[in-house]
Amino acid sequence: MSQKNEENVDPAGSTVMFQKFVSDNDEPEAAPRRSMTPYVLAGVGAVVAVAIIVAVVVTWS
């Protein structure tokens, strides 16, 4: 059994250089997602308001 003394070459280049590239990468991060809660609350509020108006109209007519 023979051993070959070959250099382990990193196919992607120097790992240290890659880590520096990743840490120095100025690519902007994705914008944070907006919460759906205000839209849901507005929709529920509109439905409740319409229900109250309908109830008042039906009661007084």
PDB file of N, CA and C in Angstrom:
ATOM      1  N   MET A   1       0.845  -1.167   0.000  1.00  0.00           N
ATOM      2  CA  MET A   1       0.000   0.000   0.000  1.00  0.00           C
ATOM      3  C   MET A   1       0.888   1.227   0.000  1.00  0.00           C
ATOM      4  N   SER A   2       0.727   2.075  -0.962  1.00  0.00           N
ATOM      5  CA  SER A   2       1.569   3.265  -1.038  1.00  0.00           C
ATOM      6  C   SER A   2       0.744   4.508  -0.762  1.00  0.00           C
ATOM      7  N   GLN A   3       1.408   5.467  -0.172  1.00  0.00           N
ATOM      8  CA  GLN A   3       0.745   6.737   0.118  1.00  0.00           C
ATOM      9  C   GLN A   3       1.327   7.794  -0.792  1.00  0.00           C
ATOM     10  N   LYS A   4       0.462   8.596  -1.349  1.00  0.00           N
ATOM     11  CA  LYS A   4       0.919   9.691  -2.198  1.00  0.00           C
ATOM     12  C   LYS A   4       0.860  10.962  -1.385  1.00  0.00           C
ATOM     13  N   ASN A   5       1.899  11.721  -1.426  1.00  0.00           N
ATOM     14  CA  ASN A   5       1.923  13.018  -0.742  1.00  0.00           C
ATOM     15  C   ASN A   5       1.457  14.085  -1.715  1.00  0.00           C
ATOM     16  N   GLU A   6       0.159  14.169  -1.843  1.00  0.00           N
ATOM     17  CA  GLU A   6      -0.422  15.187  -2.717  1.00  0.00           C
ATOM     18  C   GLU A   6      -0.939  16.341  -1.875  1.00  0.00           C
ATOM     19  N   GLU A   7      -0.828  17.514  -2.433  1.00  0.00           N
ATOM     20  CA  GLU A   7      -1.365  18.690  -1.750  1.00  0.00           C
ATOM     21  C   GLU A   7      -2.879  18.650  -1.822  1.00  0.00           C
ATOM     22  N   ASN A   8      -3.529  18.939  -0.717  1.00  0.00           N
ATOM     23  CA  ASN A   8      -4.983  19.040  -0.735  1.00  0.00           C
ATOM     24  C   ASN A   8      -5.349  20.427  -1.231  1.00  0.00           C
ATOM     25  N   VAL A   9      -5.783  20.493  -2.468  1.00  0.00           N
ATOM     26  CA  VAL A   9      -6.122  21.767  -3.073  1.00  0.00           C
ATOM     27  C   VAL A   9      -7.619  22.000  -2.919  1.00  0.00           C
ATOM     28  N   ASP A  10      -7.947  23.141  -2.376  1.00  0.00           N
ATOM     29  CA  ASP A  10      -9.355  23.509  -2.209  1.00  0.00           C
ATOM     30  C   ASP A  10      -9.892  23.925  -3.572  1.00  0.00           C
ATOM     31  N   PRO A  11     -10.853  23.190  -4.138  1.00  0.00           N
ATOM     32  CA  PRO A  11     -11.333  23.519  -5.488  1.00  0.00           C
ATOM     33  C   PRO A  11     -12.040  24.868  -5.562  1.00  0.00           C
ATOM     34  N   ALA A  12     -12.516  25.381  -4.444  1.00  0.00           N
ATOM     35  CA  ALA A  12     -13.215  26.665  -4.465  1.00  0.00           C
ATOM     36  C   ALA A  12     -12.276  27.819  -4.170  1.00  0.00           C
ATOM     37  N   GLY A  13     -11.007  27.576  -4.080  1.00  0.00           N
ATOM     38  CA  GLY A  13     -10.056  28.623  -3.734  1.00  0.00           C
ATOM     39  C   GLY A  13      -9.747  28.569  -2.253  1.00  0.00           C
ATOM     40  N   SER A  14      -9.058  29.553  -1.799  1.00  0.00           N
ATOM     41  CA  SER A  14      -8.674  29.575  -0.398  1.00  0.00           C
ATOM     42  C   SER A  14      -9.906  29.740   0.489  1.00  0.00           C
ATOM     43  N   THR A  15     -10.021  28.891   1.468  1.00  0.00           N
ATOM     44  CA  THR A  15     -11.161  28.961   2.389  1.00  0.00           C
ATOM     45  C   THR A  15     -11.157  30.282   3.141  1.00  0.00           C
ATOM     46  N   VAL A  16      -9.990  30.752   3.501  1.00  0.00           N
ATOM     47  CA  VAL A  16      -9.900  32.027   4.214  1.00  0.00           C
ATOM     48  C   VAL A  16     -10.399  33.157   3.317  1.00  0.00           C
ATOM     49  N   MET A  17     -10.023  33.111   2.045  1.00  0.00           N
ATOM     50  CA  MET A  17     -10.483  34.145   1.120  1.00  0.00           C
ATOM     51  C   MET A  17     -11.995  34.072   0.937  1.00  0.00           C
ATOM     52  N   PHE A  18     -12.544  32.842   0.900  1.00  0.00           N
ATOM     53  CA  PHE A  18     -13.987  32.693   0.755  1.00  0.00           C
ATOM     54  C   PHE A  18     -14.707  33.243   1.973  1.00  0.00           C
ATOM     55  N   GLN A  19     -14.205  32.953   3.171  1.00  0.00           N
ATOM     56  CA  GLN A  19     -14.823  33.465   4.387  1.00  0.00           C
ATOM     57  C   GLN A  19     -14.772  34.987   4.421  1.00  0.00           C
ATOM     58  N   LYS A  20     -13.673  35.558   3.944  1.00  0.00           N
ATOM     59  CA  LYS A  20     -13.580  37.017   3.894  1.00  0.00           C
ATOM     60  C   LYS A  20     -14.598  37.580   2.905  1.00  0.00           C
ATOM     61  N   PHE A  21     -14.760  36.905   1.761  1.00  0.00           N
ATOM     62  CA  PHE A  21     -15.743  37.346   0.773  1.00  0.00           C
ATOM     63  C   PHE A  21     -17.148  37.321   1.368  1.00  0.00           C
ATOM     64  N   VAL A  22     -17.473  36.254   2.080  1.00  0.00           N
ATOM     65  CA  VAL A  22     -18.820  36.133   2.657  1.00  0.00           C
ATOM     66  C   VAL A  22     -19.033  37.204   3.709  1.00  0.00           C
ATOM     67  N   SER A  23     -18.032  37.452   4.547  1.00  0.00           N
ATOM     68  CA  SER A  23     -18.210  38.442   5.608  1.00  0.00           C
ATOM     69  C   SER A  23     -18.211  39.866   5.057  1.00  0.00           C
ATOM     70  N   ASP A  24     -17.552  40.110   3.924  1.00  0.00           N
ATOM     71  CA  ASP A  24     -17.496  41.450   3.339  1.00  0.00           C
ATOM     72  C   ASP A  24     -18.543  41.673   2.258  1.00  0.00           C
ATOM     73  N   ASN A  25     -19.368  40.666   1.994  1.00  0.00           N
ATOM     74  CA  ASN A  25     -20.349  40.771   0.921  1.00  0.00           C
ATOM     75  C   ASN A  25     -21.357  41.859   1.271  1.00  0.00           C
ATOM     76  N   ASP A  26     -21.516  42.834   0.372  1.00  0.00           N
ATOM     77  CA  ASP A  26     -22.409  43.970   0.616  1.00  0.00           C
ATOM     78  C   ASP A  26     -23.781  43.774  -0.015  1.00  0.00           C
ATOM     79  N   GLU A  27     -24.144  42.541  -0.272  1.00  0.00           N
ATOM     80  CA  GLU A  27     -25.455  42.281  -0.867  1.00  0.00           C
ATOM     81  C   GLU A  27     -26.531  42.645   0.143  1.00  0.00           C
ATOM     82  N   PRO A  28     -27.504  43.445  -0.257  1.00  0.00           N
ATOM     83  CA  PRO A  28     -28.542  43.868   0.699  1.00  0.00           C
ATOM     84  C   PRO A  28     -29.380  42.673   1.153  1.00  0.00           C
ATOM     85  N   GLU A  29     -29.775  42.718   2.406  1.00  0.00           N
ATOM     86  CA  GLU A  29     -30.619  41.657   2.934  1.00  0.00           C
ATOM     87  C   GLU A  29     -32.049  41.853   2.445  1.00  0.00           C
ATOM     88  N   ALA A  30     -32.799  40.783   2.454  1.00  0.00           N
ATOM     89  CA  ALA A  30     -34.188  40.857   2.015  1.00  0.00           C
ATOM     90  C   ALA A  30     -34.983  41.730   2.987  1.00  0.00           C
ATOM     91  N   ALA A  31     -35.904  42.484   2.437  1.00  0.00           N
ATOM     92  CA  ALA A  31     -36.728  43.355   3.276  1.00  0.00           C
ATOM     93  C   ALA A  31     -37.599  42.498   4.190  1.00  0.00           C
ATOM     94  N   PRO A  32     -37.764  42.931   5.419  1.00  0.00           N
ATOM     95  CA  PRO A  32     -38.598  42.141   6.337  1.00  0.00           C
ATOM     96  C   PRO A  32     -40.051  42.143   5.879  1.00  0.00           C
ATOM     97  N   ARG A  33     -40.706  41.030   6.101  1.00  0.00           N
ATOM     98  CA  ARG A  33     -42.110  40.919   5.684  1.00  0.00           C
ATOM     99  C   ARG A  33     -42.984  41.763   6.580  1.00  0.00           C
ATOM    100  N   ARG A  34     -43.969  42.400   5.961  1.00  0.00           N
ATOM    101  CA  ARG A  34     -44.906  43.215   6.727  1.00  0.00           C
ATOM    102  C   ARG A  34     -45.935  42.309   7.371  1.00  0.00           C
ATOM    103  N   SER A  35     -46.361  42.699   8.554  1.00  0.00           N
ATOM    104  CA  SER A  35     -47.342  41.920   9.298  1.00  0.00           C
ATOM    105  C   SER A  35     -48.716  42.055   8.664  1.00  0.00           C
ATOM    106  N   MET A  36     -49.478  40.978   8.668  1.00  0.00           N
ATOM    107  CA  MET A  36     -50.830  40.984   8.123  1.00  0.00           C
ATOM    108  C   MET A  36     -51.850  41.411   9.173  1.00  0.00           C
ATOM    109  N   THR A  37     -51.451  41.505  10.427  1.00  0.00           N
ATOM    110  CA  THR A  37     -52.382  41.797  11.517  1.00  0.00           C
ATOM    111  C   THR A  37     -53.193  43.073  11.305  1.00  0.00           C
ATOM    112  N   PRO A  38     -52.590  44.203  10.914  1.00  0.00           N
ATOM    113  CA  PRO A  38     -53.414  45.411  10.730  1.00  0.00           C
ATOM    114  C   PRO A  38     -54.501  45.233   9.663  1.00  0.00           C
ATOM    115  N   TYR A  39     -54.192  44.504   8.594  1.00  0.00           N
ATOM    116  CA  TYR A  39     -55.172  44.295   7.535  1.00  0.00           C
ATOM    117  C   TYR A  39     -56.307  43.391   8.018  1.00  0.00           C
ATOM    118  N   VAL A  40     -55.957  42.373   8.782  1.00  0.00           N
ATOM    119  CA  VAL A  40     -56.982  41.478   9.320  1.00  0.00           C
ATOM    120  C   VAL A  40     -57.888  42.237  10.277  1.00  0.00           C
ATOM    121  N   LEU A  41     -57.296  43.036  11.158  1.00  0.00           N
ATOM    122  CA  LEU A  41     -58.092  43.811  12.112  1.00  0.00           C
ATOM    123  C   LEU A  41     -58.985  44.826  11.397  1.00  0.00           C
ATOM    124  N   ALA A  42     -58.479  45.450  10.352  1.00  0.00           N
ATOM    125  CA  ALA A  42     -59.293  46.409   9.598  1.00  0.00           C
ATOM    126  C   ALA A  42     -60.468  45.699   8.924  1.00  0.00           C
ATOM    127  N   GLY A  43     -60.229  44.526   8.380  1.00  0.00           N
ATOM    128  CA  GLY A  43     -61.307  43.759   7.745  1.00  0.00           C
ATOM    129  C   GLY A  43     -62.361  43.343   8.759  1.00  0.00           C
ATOM    130  N   VAL A  44     -61.914  42.861   9.908  1.00  0.00           N
ATOM    131  CA  VAL A  44     -62.865  42.456  10.953  1.00  0.00           C
ATOM    132  C   VAL A  44     -63.651  43.667  11.438  1.00  0.00           C
ATOM    133  N   GLY A  45     -62.988  44.788  11.604  1.00  0.00           N
ATOM    134  CA  GLY A  45     -63.667  46.007  12.043  1.00  0.00           C
ATOM    135  C   GLY A  45     -64.716  46.452  11.049  1.00  0.00           C
ATOM    136  N   ALA A  46     -64.397  46.366   9.759  1.00  0.00           N
ATOM    137  CA  ALA A  46     -65.367  46.759   8.732  1.00  0.00           C
ATOM    138  C   ALA A  46     -66.586  45.843   8.749  1.00  0.00           C
ATOM    139  N   VAL A  47     -66.351  44.546   8.904  1.00  0.00           N
ATOM    140  CA  VAL A  47     -67.468  43.592   8.957  1.00  0.00           C
ATOM    141  C   VAL A  47     -68.337  43.862  10.176  1.00  0.00           C
ATOM    142  N   VAL A  48     -67.718  44.120  11.313  1.00  0.00           N
ATOM    143  CA  VAL A  48     -68.475  44.415  12.541  1.00  0.00           C
ATOM    144  C   VAL A  48     -69.276  45.709  12.372  1.00  0.00           C
ATOM    145  N   ALA A  49     -68.681  46.722  11.777  1.00  0.00           N
ATOM    146  CA  ALA A  49     -69.383  47.992  11.572  1.00  0.00           C
ATOM    147  C   ALA A  49     -70.600  47.799  10.676  1.00  0.00           C
ATOM    148  N   VAL A  50     -70.450  47.045   9.593  1.00  0.00           N
ATOM    149  CA  VAL A  50     -71.578  46.783   8.698  1.00  0.00           C
ATOM    150  C   VAL A  50     -72.647  45.986   9.438  1.00  0.00           C
ATOM    151  N   ALA A  51     -72.243  45.018  10.251  1.00  0.00           N
ATOM    152  CA  ALA A  51     -73.210  44.214  11.002  1.00  0.00           C
ATOM    153  C   ALA A  51     -73.991  45.079  11.985  1.00  0.00           C
ATOM    154  N   ILE A  52     -73.332  46.026  12.633  1.00  0.00           N
ATOM    155  CA  ILE A  52     -74.006  46.924  13.571  1.00  0.00           C
ATOM    156  C   ILE A  52     -75.012  47.810  12.834  1.00  0.00           C
ATOM    157  N   ILE A  53     -74.600  48.340  11.687  1.00  0.00           N
ATOM    158  CA  ILE A  53     -75.508  49.189  10.901  1.00  0.00           C
ATOM    159  C   ILE A  53     -76.725  48.395  10.455  1.00  0.00           C
ATOM    160  N   VAL A  54     -76.516  47.185   9.964  1.00  0.00           N
ATOM    161  CA  VAL A  54     -77.628  46.344   9.528  1.00  0.00           C
ATOM    162  C   VAL A  54     -78.542  46.032  10.708  1.00  0.00           C
ATOM    163  N   ALA A  55     -77.973  45.729  11.867  1.00  0.00           N
ATOM    164  CA  ALA A  55     -78.786  45.423  13.048  1.00  0.00           C
ATOM    165  C   ALA A  55     -79.631  46.627  13.463  1.00  0.00           C
ATOM    166  N   VAL A  56     -79.046  47.813  13.412  1.00  0.00           N
ATOM    167  CA  VAL A  56     -79.796  49.020  13.776  1.00  0.00           C
ATOM    168  C   VAL A  56     -80.917  49.274  12.782  1.00  0.00           C
ATOM    169  N   VAL A  57     -80.637  49.139  11.498  1.00  0.00           N
ATOM    170  CA  VAL A  57     -81.659  49.372  10.465  1.00  0.00           C
ATOM    171  C   VAL A  57     -82.790  48.358  10.603  1.00  0.00           C
ATOM    172  N   VAL A  58     -82.468  47.098  10.815  1.00  0.00           N
ATOM    173  CA  VAL A  58     -83.496  46.066  10.951  1.00  0.00           C
ATOM    174  C   VAL A  58     -84.309  46.293  12.219  1.00  0.00           C
ATOM    175  N   THR A  59     -83.662  46.708  13.296  1.00  0.00           N
ATOM    176  CA  THR A  59     -84.366  46.933  14.558  1.00  0.00           C
ATOM    177  C   THR A  59     -85.343  48.093  14.454  1.00  0.00           C
ATOM    178  N   TRP A  60     -84.979  49.158  13.792  1.00  0.00           N
ATOM    179  CA  TRP A  60     -85.806  50.366  13.749  1.00  0.00           C
ATOM    180  C   TRP A  60     -86.780  50.407  12.567  1.00  0.00           C
ATOM    181  N   SER A  61     -86.764  49.370  11.752  1.00  0.00           N
ATOM    182  CA  SER A  61     -87.689  49.420  10.618  1.00  0.00           C
ATOM    183  C   SER A  61     -88.872  48.489  10.797  1.00  0.00           C
TER     184      SER A  61
END
